[in-house]
PDB file of all heavy atoms in Angstrom:
ATOM      1  N   GLY A   1      77.013 -25.101  -5.155  1.00  0.00           N
ATOM      2  CA  GLY A   1      77.962 -24.171  -4.568  1.00  0.00           C
ATOM      3  C   GLY A   1      77.909 -22.779  -5.160  1.00  0.00           C
ATOM      4  O   GLY A   1      78.268 -21.806  -4.478  1.00  0.00           O
ATOM      5  N   TYR A   2      77.458 -22.647  -6.406  1.00  0.00           N
ATOM      6  CA  TYR A   2      77.421 -21.333  -7.056  1.00  0.00           C
ATOM      7  C   TYR A   2      76.334 -20.444  -6.462  1.00  0.00           C
ATOM      8  O   TYR A   2      76.335 -19.230  -6.675  1.00  0.00           O
ATOM      9  CB  TYR A   2      77.194 -21.509  -8.557  1.00  0.00           C
ATOM     10  CG  TYR A   2      77.632 -20.324  -9.389  1.00  0.00           C
ATOM     11  CD1 TYR A   2      78.962 -19.907  -9.408  1.00  0.00           C
ATOM     12  CD2 TYR A   2      76.723 -19.626 -10.173  1.00  0.00           C
ATOM     13  CE1 TYR A   2      79.364 -18.822 -10.177  1.00  0.00           C
ATOM     14  CE2 TYR A   2      77.113 -18.542 -10.952  1.00  0.00           C
ATOM     15  CZ  TYR A   2      78.438 -18.143 -10.944  1.00  0.00           C
ATOM     16  OH  TYR A   2      78.837 -17.066 -11.701  1.00  0.00           O
ATOM     17  N   THR A   3      75.379 -21.036  -5.716  1.00  0.00           N
ATOM     18  CA  THR A   3      74.312 -20.245  -5.100  1.00  0.00           C
ATOM     19  C   THR A   3      74.676 -19.754  -3.701  1.00  0.00           C
ATOM     20  O   THR A   3      73.918 -18.984  -3.101  1.00  0.00           O
ATOM     21  CB  THR A   3      73.010 -21.063  -5.001  1.00  0.00           C
ATOM     22  OG1 THR A   3      73.213 -22.161  -4.090  1.00  0.00           O
ATOM     23  CG2 THR A   3      72.594 -21.600  -6.357  1.00  0.00           C
ATOM     24  N   VAL A   4      75.822 -20.182  -3.172  1.00  0.00           N
ATOM     25  CA  VAL A   4      76.230 -19.759  -1.833  1.00  0.00           C
ATOM     26  C   VAL A   4      76.756 -18.324  -1.910  1.00  0.00           C
ATOM     27  O   VAL A   4      77.702 -18.047  -2.653  1.00  0.00           O
ATOM     28  CB  VAL A   4      77.316 -20.687  -1.258  1.00  0.00           C
ATOM     29  CG1 VAL A   4      77.742 -20.212   0.134  1.00  0.00           C
ATOM     30  CG2 VAL A   4      76.823 -22.128  -1.206  1.00  0.00           C
ATOM     31  N   PRO A   5      76.181 -17.384  -1.150  1.00  0.00           N
ATOM     32  CA  PRO A   5      76.652 -16.001  -1.213  1.00  0.00           C
ATOM     33  C   PRO A   5      78.003 -15.835  -0.530  1.00  0.00           C
ATOM     34  O   PRO A   5      78.345 -16.572   0.396  1.00  0.00           O
ATOM     35  CB  PRO A   5      75.561 -15.225  -0.476  1.00  0.00           C
ATOM     36  CG  PRO A   5      74.930 -16.225   0.436  1.00  0.00           C
ATOM     37  CD  PRO A   5      75.019 -17.541  -0.265  1.00  0.00           C
ATOM     38  N   ARG A   6      78.739 -14.837  -0.977  1.00  0.00           N
ATOM     39  CA  ARG A   6      80.092 -14.629  -0.463  1.00  0.00           C
ATOM     40  C   ARG A   6      80.112 -14.357   1.032  1.00  0.00           C
ATOM     41  O   ARG A   6      81.046 -14.738   1.731  1.00  0.00           O
ATOM     42  CB  ARG A   6      80.753 -13.477  -1.225  1.00  0.00           C
ATOM     43  CG  ARG A   6      82.222 -13.252  -0.831  1.00  0.00           C
ATOM     44  CD  ARG A   6      82.793 -12.023  -1.526  1.00  0.00           C
ATOM     45  NE  ARG A   6      82.883 -12.224  -2.963  1.00  0.00           N
ATOM     46  CZ  ARG A   6      83.233 -11.256  -3.814  1.00  0.00           C
ATOM     47  NH1 ARG A   6      83.496 -10.042  -3.367  1.00  0.00           N
ATOM     48  NH2 ARG A   6      83.296 -11.503  -5.101  1.00  0.00           N
ATOM     49  N   TRP A   7      79.065 -13.711   1.564  1.00  0.00           N
ATOM     50  CA  TRP A   7      79.062 -13.365   2.986  1.00  0.00           C
ATOM     51  C   TRP A   7      79.055 -14.600   3.879  1.00  0.00           C
ATOM     52  O   TRP A   7      79.421 -14.527   5.056  1.00  0.00           O
ATOM     53  CB  TRP A   7      77.887 -12.453   3.333  1.00  0.00           C
ATOM     54  CG  TRP A   7      76.508 -13.041   3.094  1.00  0.00           C
ATOM     55  CD1 TRP A   7      75.708 -12.837   2.011  1.00  0.00           C
ATOM     56  CD2 TRP A   7      75.764 -13.901   3.971  1.00  0.00           C
ATOM     57  NE1 TRP A   7      74.521 -13.517   2.134  1.00  0.00           N
ATOM     58  CE2 TRP A   7      74.530 -14.173   3.335  1.00  0.00           C
ATOM     59  CE3 TRP A   7      76.022 -14.458   5.218  1.00  0.00           C
ATOM     60  CZ2 TRP A   7      73.557 -14.991   3.904  1.00  0.00           C
ATOM     61  CZ3 TRP A   7      75.055 -15.284   5.798  1.00  0.00           C
ATOM     62  CH2 TRP A   7      73.846 -15.536   5.149  1.00  0.00           C
ATOM     63  N   MET A   8      78.659 -15.761   3.326  1.00  0.00           N
ATOM     64  CA  MET A   8      78.606 -16.974   4.142  1.00  0.00           C
ATOM     65  C   MET A   8      79.916 -17.761   4.099  1.00  0.00           C
ATOM     66  O   MET A   8      80.124 -18.676   4.902  1.00  0.00           O
ATOM     67  CB  MET A   8      77.441 -17.842   3.674  1.00  0.00           C
ATOM     68  CG  MET A   8      77.156 -19.028   4.567  1.00  0.00           C
ATOM     69  SD  MET A   8      75.535 -19.746   4.288  1.00  0.00           S
ATOM     70  CE  MET A   8      74.674 -19.185   5.756  1.00  0.00           C
ATOM     71  N   LYS A   9      80.816 -17.409   3.197  1.00  0.00           N
ATOM     72  CA  LYS A   9      82.065 -18.154   3.016  1.00  0.00           C
ATOM     73  C   LYS A   9      82.895 -18.202   4.302  1.00  0.00           C
ATOM     74  O   LYS A   9      83.402 -19.260   4.697  1.00  0.00           O
ATOM     75  CB  LYS A   9      82.862 -17.514   1.883  1.00  0.00           C
ATOM     76  CG  LYS A   9      84.189 -18.206   1.545  1.00  0.00           C
ATOM     77  CD  LYS A   9      84.879 -17.428   0.422  1.00  0.00           C
ATOM     78  CE  LYS A   9      86.246 -17.994   0.100  1.00  0.00           C
ATOM     79  NZ  LYS A   9      86.171 -19.266  -0.625  1.00  0.00           N
ATOM     80  N   LYS A  10      83.006 -17.049   4.979  1.00  0.00           N
ATOM     81  CA  LYS A  10      83.816 -16.995   6.196  1.00  0.00           C
ATOM     82  C   LYS A  10      83.231 -17.888   7.284  1.00  0.00           C
ATOM     83  O   LYS A  10      83.972 -18.585   7.998  1.00  0.00           O
ATOM     84  CB  LYS A  10      83.908 -15.553   6.690  1.00  0.00           C
ATOM     85  CG  LYS A  10      84.782 -15.380   7.921  1.00  0.00           C
ATOM     86  CD  LYS A  10      84.874 -13.919   8.341  1.00  0.00           C
ATOM     87  CE  LYS A  10      85.738 -13.763   9.589  1.00  0.00           C
ATOM     88  NZ  LYS A  10      85.837 -12.337  10.012  1.00  0.00           N
ATOM     89  N   ASP A  11      81.899 -17.886   7.419  1.00  0.00           N
ATOM     90  CA  ASP A  11      81.256 -18.720   8.434  1.00  0.00           C
ATOM     91  C   ASP A  11      81.535 -20.198   8.183  1.00  0.00           C
ATOM     92  O   ASP A  11      81.782 -20.971   9.120  1.00  0.00           O
ATOM     93  CB  ASP A  11      79.746 -18.485   8.426  1.00  0.00           C
ATOM     94  CG  ASP A  11      79.365 -17.150   9.041  1.00  0.00           C
ATOM     95  OD1 ASP A  11      80.280 -16.393   9.410  1.00  0.00           O
ATOM     96  OD2 ASP A  11      78.164 -16.862   9.153  1.00  0.00           O
ATOM     97  N   ILE A  12      81.484 -20.592   6.913  1.00  0.00           N
ATOM     98  CA  ILE A  12      81.698 -22.001   6.567  1.00  0.00           C
ATOM     99  C   ILE A  12      83.141 -22.412   6.852  1.00  0.00           C
ATOM    100  O   ILE A  12      83.402 -23.427   7.518  1.00  0.00           O
ATOM    101  CB  ILE A  12      81.353 -22.239   5.085  1.00  0.00           C
ATOM    102  CG1 ILE A  12      79.866 -21.968   4.828  1.00  0.00           C
ATOM    103  CG2 ILE A  12      81.722 -23.662   4.667  1.00  0.00           C
ATOM    104  CD1 ILE A  12      79.497 -21.929   3.364  1.00  0.00           C
ATOM    105  N   GLU A  13      84.075 -21.634   6.361  1.00  0.00           N
ATOM    106  CA  GLU A  13      85.477 -22.037   6.434  1.00  0.00           C
ATOM    107  C   GLU A  13      86.086 -21.812   7.813  1.00  0.00           C
ATOM    108  O   GLU A  13      87.137 -22.392   8.130  1.00  0.00           O
ATOM    109  CB  GLU A  13      86.266 -21.297   5.353  1.00  0.00           C
ATOM    110  CG  GLU A  13      85.800 -21.665   3.945  1.00  0.00           C
ATOM    111  CD  GLU A  13      86.562 -20.946   2.849  1.00  0.00           C
ATOM    112  OE1 GLU A  13      87.544 -20.246   3.160  1.00  0.00           O
ATOM    113  OE2 GLU A  13      86.156 -21.071   1.671  1.00  0.00           O
ATOM    114  N   SER A  14      85.437 -21.005   8.651  1.00  0.00           N
ATOM    115  CA  SER A  14      85.974 -20.761   9.992  1.00  0.00           C
ATOM    116  C   SER A  14      85.903 -21.999  10.882  1.00  0.00           C
ATOM    117  O   SER A  14      86.569 -22.045  11.921  1.00  0.00           O
ATOM    118  CB  SER A  14      85.212 -19.610  10.660  1.00  0.00           C
ATOM    119  OG  SER A  14      83.855 -19.978  10.917  1.00  0.00           O
ATOM    120  N   ARG A  15      85.127 -23.014  10.462  1.00  0.00           N
ATOM    121  CA  ARG A  15      85.019 -24.214  11.287  1.00  0.00           C
ATOM    122  C   ARG A  15      86.206 -25.155  11.104  1.00  0.00           C
ATOM    123  O   ARG A  15      86.326 -26.162  11.813  1.00  0.00           O
ATOM    124  CB  ARG A  15      83.705 -24.957  10.983  1.00  0.00           C
ATOM    125  CG  ARG A  15      82.472 -24.086  11.067  1.00  0.00           C
ATOM    126  CD  ARG A  15      82.366 -23.294  12.378  1.00  0.00           C
ATOM    127  NE  ARG A  15      82.113 -24.135  13.523  1.00  0.00           N
ATOM    128  CZ  ARG A  15      80.907 -24.479  13.978  1.00  0.00           C
ATOM    129  NH1 ARG A  15      79.834 -24.011  13.353  1.00  0.00           N
ATOM    130  NH2 ARG A  15      80.765 -25.237  15.030  1.00  0.00           N
ATOM    131  N   GLY A  16      87.070 -24.855  10.134  1.00  0.00           N
ATOM    132  CA  GLY A  16      88.317 -25.605   9.981  1.00  0.00           C
ATOM    133  C   GLY A  16      88.187 -26.979   9.371  1.00  0.00           C
ATOM    134  O   GLY A  16      89.132 -27.780   9.435  1.00  0.00           O
ATOM    135  N   LYS A  17      87.066 -27.298   8.754  1.00  0.00           N
ATOM    136  CA  LYS A  17      86.857 -28.623   8.171  1.00  0.00           C
ATOM    137  C   LYS A  17      87.306 -28.653   6.708  1.00  0.00           C
ATOM    138  O   LYS A  17      87.302 -27.629   6.020  1.00  0.00           O
ATOM    139  CB  LYS A  17      85.372 -29.005   8.237  1.00  0.00           C
ATOM    140  CG  LYS A  17      84.753 -28.881   9.617  1.00  0.00           C
ATOM    141  CD  LYS A  17      85.380 -29.814  10.619  1.00  0.00           C
ATOM    142  CE  LYS A  17      84.702 -29.690  11.985  1.00  0.00           C
ATOM    143  NZ  LYS A  17      85.297 -30.582  12.996  1.00  0.00           N
ATOM    144  N   LYS A  18      87.691 -29.839   6.237  1.00  0.00           N
ATOM    145  CA  LYS A  18      87.897 -30.015   4.802  1.00  0.00           C
ATOM    146  C   LYS A  18      86.549 -29.850   4.101  1.00  0.00           C
ATOM    147  O   LYS A  18      85.508 -30.284   4.611  1.00  0.00           O
ATOM    148  CB  LYS A  18      88.461 -31.408   4.500  1.00  0.00           C
ATOM    149  CG  LYS A  18      89.939 -31.583   4.852  1.00  0.00           C
ATOM    150  CD  LYS A  18      90.808 -30.774   3.885  1.00  0.00           C
ATOM    151  CE  LYS A  18      92.295 -31.001   4.127  1.00  0.00           C
ATOM    152  NZ  LYS A  18      92.763 -32.316   3.682  1.00  0.00           N
ATOM    153  N   ILE A  19      86.590 -29.225   2.920  1.00  0.00           N
ATOM    154  CA  ILE A  19      85.355 -28.892   2.215  1.00  0.00           C
ATOM    155  C   ILE A  19      85.452 -29.336   0.760  1.00  0.00           C
ATOM    156  O   ILE A  19      86.464 -29.091   0.099  1.00  0.00           O
ATOM    157  CB  ILE A  19      85.093 -27.364   2.261  1.00  0.00           C
ATOM    158  CG1 ILE A  19      85.011 -26.872   3.711  1.00  0.00           C
ATOM    159  CG2 ILE A  19      83.814 -27.016   1.507  1.00  0.00           C
ATOM    160  CD1 ILE A  19      84.997 -25.360   3.835  1.00  0.00           C
ATOM    161  N   ILE A  20      84.398 -29.979   0.275  1.00  0.00           N
ATOM    162  CA  ILE A  20      84.263 -30.281  -1.152  1.00  0.00           C
ATOM    163  C   ILE A  20      83.017 -29.553  -1.650  1.00  0.00           C
ATOM    164  O   ILE A  20      81.935 -29.684  -1.077  1.00  0.00           O
ATOM    165  CB  ILE A  20      84.146 -31.790  -1.406  1.00  0.00           C
ATOM    166  CG1 ILE A  20      85.468 -32.481  -1.072  1.00  0.00           C
ATOM    167  CG2 ILE A  20      83.752 -32.068  -2.855  1.00  0.00           C
ATOM    168  CD1 ILE A  20      85.463 -33.971  -1.308  1.00  0.00           C
ATOM    169  N   VAL A  21      83.199 -28.766  -2.702  1.00  0.00           N
ATOM    170  CA  VAL A  21      82.107 -27.972  -3.271  1.00  0.00           C
ATOM    171  C   VAL A  21      81.870 -28.422  -4.702  1.00  0.00           C
ATOM    172  O   VAL A  21      82.813 -28.530  -5.499  1.00  0.00           O
ATOM    173  CB  VAL A  21      82.448 -26.464  -3.258  1.00  0.00           C
ATOM    174  CG1 VAL A  21      81.277 -25.656  -3.817  1.00  0.00           C
ATOM    175  CG2 VAL A  21      82.797 -25.994  -1.857  1.00  0.00           C
ATOM    176  N   CYS A  22      80.606 -28.688  -5.030  1.00  0.00           N
ATOM    177  CA  CYS A  22      80.267 -29.002  -6.425  1.00  0.00           C
ATOM    178  C   CYS A  22      79.057 -28.172  -6.832  1.00  0.00           C
ATOM    179  O   CYS A  22      78.393 -27.550  -6.001  1.00  0.00           O
ATOM    180  CB  CYS A  22      80.002 -30.491  -6.605  1.00  0.00           C
ATOM    181  SG  CYS A  22      78.503 -31.101  -5.805  1.00  0.00           S
ATOM    182  N   GLY A  23      78.786 -28.163  -8.102  1.00  0.00           N
ATOM    183  CA  GLY A  23      77.675 -27.385  -8.627  1.00  0.00           C
ATOM    184  C   GLY A  23      77.898 -27.076 -10.090  1.00  0.00           C
ATOM    185  O   GLY A  23      78.784 -27.652 -10.736  1.00  0.00           O
ATOM    186  N   ASP A  24      77.096 -26.184 -10.610  1.00  0.00           N
ATOM    187  CA  ASP A  24      77.171 -25.800 -12.019  1.00  0.00           C
ATOM    188  C   ASP A  24      77.286 -24.281 -12.087  1.00  0.00           C
ATOM    189  O   ASP A  24      76.326 -23.563 -11.815  1.00  0.00           O
ATOM    190  CB  ASP A  24      75.913 -26.277 -12.753  1.00  0.00           C
ATOM    191  CG  ASP A  24      75.999 -26.079 -14.252  1.00  0.00           C
ATOM    192  OD1 ASP A  24      76.877 -25.307 -14.699  1.00  0.00           O
ATOM    193  OD2 ASP A  24      75.200 -26.686 -14.979  1.00  0.00           O
ATOM    194  N   ARG A  25      78.466 -23.790 -12.450  1.00  0.00           N
ATOM    195  CA  ARG A  25      78.661 -22.345 -12.436  1.00  0.00           C
ATOM    196  C   ARG A  25      78.086 -21.647 -13.661  1.00  0.00           C
ATOM    197  O   ARG A  25      78.252 -20.441 -13.807  1.00  0.00           O
ATOM    198  CB  ARG A  25      80.139 -22.011 -12.272  1.00  0.00           C
ATOM    199  CG  ARG A  25      81.067 -22.475 -13.358  1.00  0.00           C
ATOM    200  CD  ARG A  25      82.489 -22.049 -12.995  1.00  0.00           C
ATOM    201  NE  ARG A  25      83.483 -22.483 -13.959  1.00  0.00           N
ATOM    202  CZ  ARG A  25      84.790 -22.298 -13.785  1.00  0.00           C
ATOM    203  NH1 ARG A  25      85.232 -21.705 -12.689  1.00  0.00           N
ATOM    204  NH2 ARG A  25      85.648 -22.705 -14.694  1.00  0.00           N
ATOM    205  N   ASN A  26      77.408 -22.381 -14.523  1.00  0.00           N
ATOM    206  CA  ASN A  26      76.680 -21.743 -15.611  1.00  0.00           C
ATOM    207  C   ASN A  26      75.278 -21.319 -15.192  1.00  0.00           C
ATOM    208  O   ASN A  26      74.561 -20.700 -15.975  1.00  0.00           O
ATOM    209  CB  ASN A  26      76.589 -22.692 -16.809  1.00  0.00           C
ATOM    210  CG  ASN A  26      77.923 -22.835 -17.518  1.00  0.00           C
ATOM    211  OD1 ASN A  26      78.636 -21.857 -17.712  1.00  0.00           O
ATOM    212  ND2 ASN A  26      78.277 -24.058 -17.875  1.00  0.00           N
ATOM    213  N   GLN A  27      74.880 -21.693 -13.964  1.00  0.00           N
ATOM    214  CA  GLN A  27      73.563 -21.297 -13.484  1.00  0.00           C
ATOM    215  C   GLN A  27      73.614 -19.890 -12.893  1.00  0.00           C
ATOM    216  O   GLN A  27      74.649 -19.243 -12.870  1.00  0.00           O
ATOM    217  CB  GLN A  27      73.060 -22.327 -12.477  1.00  0.00           C
ATOM    218  CG  GLN A  27      72.844 -23.698 -13.097  1.00  0.00           C
ATOM    219  CD  GLN A  27      72.127 -24.654 -12.183  1.00  0.00           C
ATOM    220  OE1 GLN A  27      71.520 -24.263 -11.200  1.00  0.00           O
ATOM    221  NE2 GLN A  27      72.188 -25.938 -12.507  1.00  0.00           N
ATOM    222  N   LEU A  28      72.476 -19.453 -12.389  1.00  0.00           N
ATOM    223  CA  LEU A  28      72.369 -18.086 -11.875  1.00  0.00           C
ATOM    224  C   LEU A  28      73.123 -17.938 -10.557  1.00  0.00           C
ATOM    225  O   LEU A  28      73.060 -18.828  -9.705  1.00  0.00           O
ATOM    226  CB  LEU A  28      70.900 -17.719 -11.663  1.00  0.00           C
ATOM    227  CG  LEU A  28      70.062 -17.546 -12.931  1.00  0.00           C
ATOM    228  CD1 LEU A  28      68.589 -17.468 -12.565  1.00  0.00           C
ATOM    229  CD2 LEU A  28      70.485 -16.296 -13.696  1.00  0.00           C
TER     230      LEU A  28
END
C-alpha cells in the first residue's frame, strides 16, 4: 500500500467498497 500514489486514492475509494490496505511503510 505504501507504493500506491496519492493521485490513485480517489479512483480506488470512489467505488464505495470496503478496503483493507497492508504493506511496509519503512520501504520507499
